[in-house]
Amino acid sequence: MPDMVNHPPHYTQGGVECIDAIRAATVGRDAYEGYLTGQVIKYIWRYPFKNGLEDLRKAEFYLKRLIEKREEKLHESQSDVE
């Protein structure tokens, strides 16, 4: 029986656990951007094994917020130059 708490199969693919990939992908990001990035990775990682289209929509939800955050940062940095 799989360990659904510590090593659920929908988060372990190709010998890599999703949480380890998220940790590697979010090093050096601020907390909010790291959270959003992690959520996008999580839902894309598991969609074929858990909730399909629903997980893709959840990834899209977080990705839109990540894009908004990056656009805000871009506008702020452009305002600082002017």
Protein backbone atom coordinates (compact mmCIF):
# COMPACT_ATOMS: atom_id res chain seq x y z
CA MET A 1 0.00 0.00 0.00
CA PRO A 2 1.46 3.40 -0.96
CA ASP A 3 2.32 5.93 1.75
CA MET A 4 -0.27 8.59 0.90
CA VAL A 5 1.11 11.04 3.49
CA ASN A 6 4.87 10.98 2.95
CA HIS A 7 5.21 9.65 -0.61
CA PRO A 8 1.92 9.72 -2.52
CA PRO A 9 2.36 8.25 -6.00
CA HIS A 10 0.83 11.27 -7.75
CA TYR A 11 3.73 13.37 -6.38
CA THR A 12 6.54 10.94 -7.20
CA GLN A 13 7.43 10.58 -10.87
CA GLY A 14 10.61 9.34 -12.50
CA GLY A 15 12.30 8.90 -9.13
CA VAL A 16 11.80 12.58 -8.25
CA GLU A 17 9.38 13.87 -5.66
CA CYS A 18 7.45 17.00 -6.50
CA ILE A 19 8.43 18.68 -3.23
CA ASP A 20 12.12 18.34 -4.14
CA ALA A 21 11.52 19.83 -7.58
CA ILE A 22 9.58 22.72 -6.03
CA ARG A 23 12.38 23.37 -3.54
CA ALA A 24 14.95 23.51 -6.37
CA ALA A 25 12.74 25.73 -8.54
CA THR A 26 11.98 28.29 -5.84
CA VAL A 27 15.42 28.94 -4.35
CA GLY A 28 16.03 32.67 -4.12
CA ARG A 29 12.48 33.77 -4.84
CA ASP A 30 10.54 35.96 -2.46
CA ALA A 31 7.98 34.12 -0.36
CA TYR A 32 4.87 34.95 -2.38
CA GLU A 33 6.46 34.24 -5.76
CA GLY A 34 7.92 31.01 -4.39
CA TYR A 35 4.49 29.96 -3.14
CA LEU A 36 2.84 30.71 -6.48
CA THR A 37 5.59 28.94 -8.42
CA GLY A 38 5.30 25.91 -6.16
CA GLN A 39 1.56 25.72 -6.64
CA VAL A 40 1.91 25.86 -10.42
CA ILE A 41 4.51 23.10 -10.37
CA LYS A 42 2.44 20.97 -7.99
CA TYR A 43 -0.73 21.05 -10.05
CA ILE A 44 1.03 20.51 -13.38
CA TRP A 45 3.04 17.68 -11.85
CA ARG A 46 0.05 15.73 -10.60
CA TYR A 47 -2.67 16.48 -13.17
CA PRO A 48 -2.28 13.27 -15.18
CA PHE A 49 -2.41 11.14 -12.02
CA LYS A 50 -5.01 12.85 -9.84
CA ASN A 51 -7.57 15.42 -10.98
CA GLY A 52 -6.85 15.99 -14.68
CA LEU A 53 -8.35 19.16 -16.10
CA GLU A 54 -9.27 20.46 -12.63
CA ASP A 55 -5.58 20.47 -11.66
CA LEU A 56 -4.66 22.26 -14.89
CA ARG A 57 -7.21 24.95 -14.07
CA LYS A 58 -5.76 25.28 -10.59
CA ALA A 59 -2.28 25.66 -12.11
CA GLU A 60 -3.66 28.34 -14.40
CA PHE A 61 -5.19 30.15 -11.39
CA TYR A 62 -1.80 30.38 -9.68
CA LEU A 63 0.09 31.10 -12.90
CA LYS A 64 -2.13 34.11 -13.62
CA ARG A 65 -1.32 35.48 -10.17
CA LEU A 66 2.38 34.87 -10.69
CA ILE A 67 2.24 36.75 -13.99
CA GLU A 68 0.39 39.63 -12.29
CA LYS A 69 3.05 39.75 -9.56
CA ARG A 70 5.87 39.83 -12.12
CA GLU A 71 4.10 42.57 -14.09
CA GLU A 72 3.74 44.63 -10.89
CA LYS A 73 7.46 44.27 -10.23
CA LEU A 74 8.27 45.30 -13.79
CA HIS A 75 6.07 48.39 -13.53
CA GLU A 76 7.59 49.29 -10.15
CA SER A 77 11.12 49.04 -11.51
CA GLN A 78 10.20 51.15 -14.53
CA SER A 79 8.65 53.76 -12.23
CA ASP A 80 11.85 53.91 -10.20
CA VAL A 81 13.82 54.79 -13.33
CA GLU A 82 11.55 57.67 -14.36
